[in-house]
C-alpha atoms as a PDB file:
ATOM      1  CA  MET A   1    -225.719  -3.299  39.837  1.00  0.00           C
ATOM      2  CA  ALA A   2    -227.391  -5.669  37.708  1.00  0.00           C
ATOM      3  CA  GLU A   3    -228.422  -8.866  38.484  1.00  0.00           C
ATOM      4  CA  LYS A   4    -227.370 -12.287  36.968  1.00  0.00           C
ATOM      5  CA  PRO A   5    -229.359 -14.005  35.165  1.00  0.00           C
ATOM      6  CA  GLN A   6    -230.630 -16.937  36.907  1.00  0.00           C
ATOM      7  CA  SER A   7    -231.369 -19.375  33.878  1.00  0.00           C
ATOM      8  CA  GLN A   8    -230.481 -20.553  30.704  1.00  0.00           C
ATOM      9  CA  ASP A   9    -233.966 -19.526  29.554  1.00  0.00           C
ATOM     10  CA  GLU A  10    -233.232 -15.698  31.171  1.00  0.00           C
ATOM     11  CA  LEU A  11    -229.779 -15.659  29.071  1.00  0.00           C
ATOM     12  CA  ARG A  12    -231.462 -16.641  26.083  1.00  0.00           C
ATOM     13  CA  GLN A  13    -234.293 -14.241  26.441  1.00  0.00           C
ATOM     14  CA  ILE A  14    -231.454 -11.605  27.075  1.00  0.00           C
ATOM     15  CA  ARG A  15    -229.271 -12.157  24.079  1.00  0.00           C
ATOM     16  CA  GLU A  16    -232.521 -12.665  22.213  1.00  0.00           C
ATOM     17  CA  LEU A  17    -233.342  -9.326  22.760  1.00  0.00           C
ATOM     18  CA  LEU A  18    -229.688  -7.838  22.687  1.00  0.00           C
ATOM     19  CA  PHE A  19    -229.049  -9.598  19.330  1.00  0.00           C
ATOM     20  CA  GLY A  20    -231.846 -11.722  17.886  1.00  0.00           C
ATOM     21  CA  GLU A  21    -232.757  -9.112  14.707  1.00  0.00           C
ATOM     22  CA  GLU A  22    -229.073  -8.802  14.170  1.00  0.00           C
ATOM     23  CA  LYS A  23    -228.211 -12.935  14.207  1.00  0.00           C
ATOM     24  CA  ARG A  24    -231.183 -13.300  12.072  1.00  0.00           C
ATOM     25  CA  ASP A  25    -230.041 -10.566   9.785  1.00  0.00           C
ATOM     26  CA  ILE A  26    -226.671 -12.330   9.324  1.00  0.00           C
ATOM     27  CA  ASP A  27    -228.159 -15.953   9.327  1.00  0.00           C
ATOM     28  CA  THR A  28    -230.240 -14.739   6.285  1.00  0.00           C
ATOM     29  CA  ARG A  29    -227.323 -12.831   4.467  1.00  0.00           C
ATOM     30  CA  VAL A  30    -224.910 -16.555   5.113  1.00  0.00           C
ATOM     31  CA  GLU A  31    -227.777 -18.423   3.834  1.00  0.00           C
ATOM     32  CA  ILE A  32    -228.014 -16.004   0.678  1.00  0.00           C
ATOM     33  CA  LEU A  33    -224.165 -15.894   0.418  1.00  0.00           C
ATOM     34  CA  GLU A  34    -224.209 -20.077   0.643  1.00  0.00           C
ATOM     35  CA  LYS A  35    -226.913 -20.344  -1.818  1.00  0.00           C
ATOM     36  CA  ASN A  36    -225.370 -17.950  -4.206  1.00  0.00           C
ATOM     37  CA  VAL A  37    -221.864 -19.920  -3.798  1.00  0.00           C
ATOM     38  CA  VAL A  38    -223.558 -23.294  -4.512  1.00  0.00           C
ATOM     39  CA  ASP A  39    -225.115 -21.356  -8.220  1.00  0.00           C
ATOM     40  CA  VAL A  40    -221.749 -19.887  -8.922  1.00  0.00           C
ATOM     41  CA  ARG A  41    -220.310 -23.173  -8.465  1.00  0.00           C
ATOM     42  CA  ASP A  42    -222.926 -24.846 -10.582  1.00  0.00           C
ATOM     43  CA  SER A  43    -222.619 -21.972 -12.801  1.00  0.00           C
ATOM     44  CA  ILE A  44    -218.712 -23.056 -13.319  1.00  0.00           C
ATOM     45  CA  SER A  45    -219.328 -26.564 -13.574  1.00  0.00           C
ATOM     46  CA  VAL A  46    -221.721 -26.022 -16.479  1.00  0.00           C
ATOM     47  CA  VAL A  47    -219.140 -23.469 -18.296  1.00  0.00           C
ATOM     48  CA  ASP A  48    -216.303 -26.006 -17.280  1.00  0.00           C
ATOM     49  CA  THR A  49    -218.347 -28.969 -19.185  1.00  0.00           C
ATOM     50  CA  ALA A  50    -219.578 -26.706 -22.101  1.00  0.00           C
ATOM     51  CA  LEU A  51    -215.692 -25.788 -22.879  1.00  0.00           C
ATOM     52  CA  THR A  52    -214.295 -29.183 -22.143  1.00  0.00           C
ATOM     53  CA  LYS A  53    -216.823 -30.134 -24.960  1.00  0.00           C
ATOM     54  CA  LYS A  54    -215.836 -27.248 -27.247  1.00  0.00           C
ATOM     55  CA  ILE A  55    -212.051 -28.154 -26.673  1.00  0.00           C
ATOM     56  CA  ASP A  56    -212.791 -31.706 -27.141  1.00  0.00           C
ATOM     57  CA  THR A  57    -214.759 -31.148 -30.318  1.00  0.00           C
ATOM     58  CA  HIS A  58    -212.346 -28.385 -31.475  1.00  0.00           C
ATOM     59  CA  GLN A  59    -209.379 -30.616 -30.915  1.00  0.00           C
ATOM     60  CA  THR A  60    -210.900 -33.639 -32.600  1.00  0.00           C
ATOM     61  CA  GLY A  61    -211.670 -31.471 -35.627  1.00  0.00           C
ATOM     62  CA  VAL A  62    -207.720 -29.826 -35.464  1.00  0.00           C
ATOM     63  CA  THR A  63    -206.697 -33.526 -35.169  1.00  0.00           C
ATOM     64  CA  ASP A  64    -208.652 -34.573 -38.021  1.00  0.00           C
ATOM     65  CA  ASP A  65    -207.555 -31.512 -40.215  1.00  0.00           C
ATOM     66  CA  VAL A  66    -204.020 -32.247 -39.531  1.00  0.00           C
ATOM     67  CA  ARG A  67    -204.324 -35.879 -40.499  1.00  0.00           C
ATOM     68  CA  ALA A  68    -206.274 -34.873 -43.552  1.00  0.00           C
ATOM     69  CA  ILE A  69    -203.314 -32.309 -44.577  1.00  0.00           C
ATOM     70  CA  ASN A  70    -200.689 -35.219 -43.713  1.00  0.00           C
ATOM     71  CA  GLU A  71    -202.408 -37.702 -46.138  1.00  0.00           C
ATOM     72  CA  GLU A  72    -202.921 -34.945 -49.068  1.00  0.00           C
ATOM     73  CA  MET A  73    -198.985 -34.136 -48.264  1.00  0.00           C
ATOM     74  CA  LEU A  74    -198.396 -37.914 -48.622  1.00  0.00           C
ATOM     75  CA  ALA A  75    -200.302 -38.301 -51.774  1.00  0.00           C
ATOM     76  CA  ARG A  76    -198.160 -35.234 -53.117  1.00  0.00           C
ATOM     77  CA  LEU A  77    -194.951 -36.659 -52.130  1.00  0.00           C
ATOM     78  CA  ASP A  78    -196.253 -40.195 -53.670  1.00  0.00           C
ATOM     79  CA  GLY A  79    -197.183 -38.080 -56.694  1.00  0.00           C
ATOM     80  CA  MET A  80    -193.605 -36.319 -57.102  1.00  0.00           C
ATOM     81  CA  ASN A  81    -192.000 -39.336 -56.247  1.00  0.00           C
ATOM     82  CA  GLN A  82    -193.619 -41.234 -58.995  1.00  0.00           C
ATOM     83  CA  LEU A  83    -193.072 -38.314 -61.347  1.00  0.00           C
ATOM     84  CA  ILE A  84    -189.511 -38.214 -60.632  1.00  0.00           C
ATOM     85  CA  ALA A  85    -189.115 -42.040 -61.150  1.00  0.00           C
ATOM     86  CA  ASP A  86    -190.712 -41.758 -64.060  1.00  0.00           C
ATOM     87  CA  ASN A  87    -188.714 -38.574 -65.623  1.00  0.00           C
ATOM     88  CA  ALA A  88    -185.500 -40.576 -64.193  1.00  0.00           C
ATOM     89  CA  ALA A  89    -186.742 -43.677 -66.607  1.00  0.00           C
ATOM     90  CA  LYS A  90    -187.420 -41.254 -69.447  1.00  0.00           C
ATOM     91  CA  SER A  91    -184.011 -39.433 -69.103  1.00  0.00           C
ATOM     92  CA  SER A  92    -182.115 -42.945 -68.687  1.00  0.00           C
ATOM     93  CA  GLU A  93    -183.960 -44.119 -71.889  1.00  0.00           C
ATOM     94  CA  ASN A  94    -182.854 -40.793 -73.732  1.00  0.00           C
ATOM     95  CA  LEU A  95    -179.354 -41.128 -72.568  1.00  0.00           C
ATOM     96  CA  THR A  96    -179.006 -44.646 -73.613  1.00  0.00           C
ATOM     97  CA  VAL A  97    -180.143 -43.857 -77.192  1.00  0.00           C
ATOM     98  CA  ALA A  98    -178.009 -40.903 -77.164  1.00  0.00           C
ATOM     99  CA  VAL A  99    -174.961 -42.942 -76.056  1.00  0.00           C
ATOM    100  CA  GLY A 100    -176.112 -45.553 -78.646  1.00  0.00           C
ATOM    101  CA  SER A 101    -176.115 -42.978 -81.492  1.00  0.00           C
ATOM    102  CA  LEU A 102    -173.022 -41.433 -80.763  1.00  0.00           C
ATOM    103  CA  THR A 103    -171.451 -44.781 -80.538  1.00  0.00           C
ATOM    104  CA  SER A 104    -172.637 -45.640 -83.751  1.00  0.00           C
ATOM    105  CA  GLU A 105    -171.567 -41.963 -85.257  1.00  0.00           C
ATOM    106  CA  LEU A 106    -168.223 -42.510 -83.728  1.00  0.00           C
ATOM    107  CA  LYS A 107    -167.920 -45.963 -85.331  1.00  0.00           C
ATOM    108  CA  SER A 108    -168.857 -44.386 -88.593  1.00  0.00           C
ATOM    109  CA  LEU A 109    -166.496 -41.442 -88.293  1.00  0.00           C
ATOM    110  CA  GLY A 110    -163.805 -44.048 -87.324  1.00  0.00           C
ATOM    111  CA  THR A 111    -164.501 -46.099 -90.591  1.00  0.00           C
ATOM    112  CA  LYS A 112    -164.440 -43.012 -92.840  1.00  0.00           C
ATOM    113  CA  LEU A 113    -161.184 -42.168 -91.280  1.00  0.00           C
ATOM    114  CA  ASN A 114    -159.596 -45.429 -91.679  1.00  0.00           C
ATOM    115  CA  GLU A 115    -160.860 -45.368 -95.325  1.00  0.00           C
ATOM    116  CA  THR A 116    -159.500 -41.574 -96.046  1.00  0.00           C
ATOM    117  CA  THR A 117    -155.974 -42.533 -94.398  1.00  0.00           C
ATOM    118  CA  ARG A 118    -156.336 -45.744 -96.724  1.00  0.00           C
ATOM    119  CA  LYS A 119    -156.576 -44.085-100.152  1.00  0.00           C
ATOM    120  CA  LEU A 120    -154.358 -41.165 -98.507  1.00  0.00           C
ATOM    121  CA  ASP A 121    -151.876 -43.763 -98.071  1.00  0.00           C
ATOM    122  CA  GLU A 122    -152.320 -45.552-101.537  1.00  0.00           C
ATOM    123  CA  GLU A 123    -152.198 -41.871-103.195  1.00  0.00           C
ATOM    124  CA  ARG A 124    -149.083 -41.385-101.435  1.00  0.00           C
ATOM    125  CA  GLU A 125    -147.702 -44.650-102.578  1.00  0.00           C
ATOM    126  CA  ARG A 126    -148.767 -43.984-106.384  1.00  0.00           C
ATOM    127  CA  ARG A 127    -147.225 -40.937-106.184  1.00  0.00           C
ATOM    128  CA  ALA A 128    -143.842 -42.299-104.992  1.00  0.00           C
ATOM    129  CA  VAL A 129    -144.174 -44.602-107.293  1.00  0.00           C
ATOM    130  CA  LEU A 130    -144.891 -42.135-110.469  1.00  0.00           C
ATOM    131  CA  ALA A 131    -142.331 -39.472-108.822  1.00  0.00           C
ATOM    132  CA  THR A 132    -139.792 -42.230-108.982  1.00  0.00           C
ATOM    133  CA  GLY A 133    -141.014 -43.216-112.993  1.00  0.00           C
ATOM    134  CA  LEU A 134    -140.291 -39.775-113.956  1.00  0.00           C
ATOM    135  CA  ARG A 135    -137.054 -39.190-112.299  1.00  0.00           C
ATOM    136  CA  ALA A 136    -135.965 -42.537-114.141  1.00  0.00           C
ATOM    137  CA  LEU A 137    -137.543 -41.003-117.053  1.00  0.00           C
ATOM    138  CA  ALA A 138    -135.954 -37.776-117.120  1.00  0.00           C
ATOM    139  CA  ASP A 139    -132.721 -39.398-116.380  1.00  0.00           C
ATOM    140  CA  ALA A 140    -133.299 -41.492-119.590  1.00  0.00           C
ATOM    141  CA  MET A 141    -133.993 -38.535-122.048  1.00  0.00           C
ATOM    142  CA  ILE A 142    -131.422 -36.123-120.575  1.00  0.00           C
ATOM    143  CA  PRO A 143    -127.849 -37.121-121.391  1.00  0.00           C
ATOM    144  CA  PRO A 144    -125.461 -36.747-118.741  1.00  0.00           C
ATOM    145  CA  ALA A 145    -122.975 -33.965-118.569  1.00  0.00           C
ATOM    146  CA  ALA A 146    -119.785 -34.438-120.167  1.00  0.00           C
ATOM    147  CA  GLU A 147    -117.057 -34.510-117.885  1.00  0.00           C
ATOM    148  CA  THR A 148    -114.269 -32.152-118.642  1.00  0.00           C
END
């Protein structure tokens, strides 16, 4: 049977003989992996910072673009509103002139109609007087028929 190691030093020496090289290989690999993890974290942090800056820059650019488009659209709308107001004013003015012109023309036609009606009434009265006179003349010229 194998003897039990007597001291901690003997136990360490046995462990070193059995597992020493393998343990050093594992420790080296773990150190390399830990360094790689730190490097990857640093790279991720750099990329994250760069992307955040790009996003902020693009977001600011997009916000500025949207603001500029909004201002342009508002300016166009103001221009359209002014154009509509100008056209409405011109149309109203033209309509007022047209109504005035039509009113004047209607008054003129009414006056002419009244004058024509008055002349026709005078002519009718003159004809009635003439017809009455002609009947009286005809009655005076034709002797009454004798009664039998």
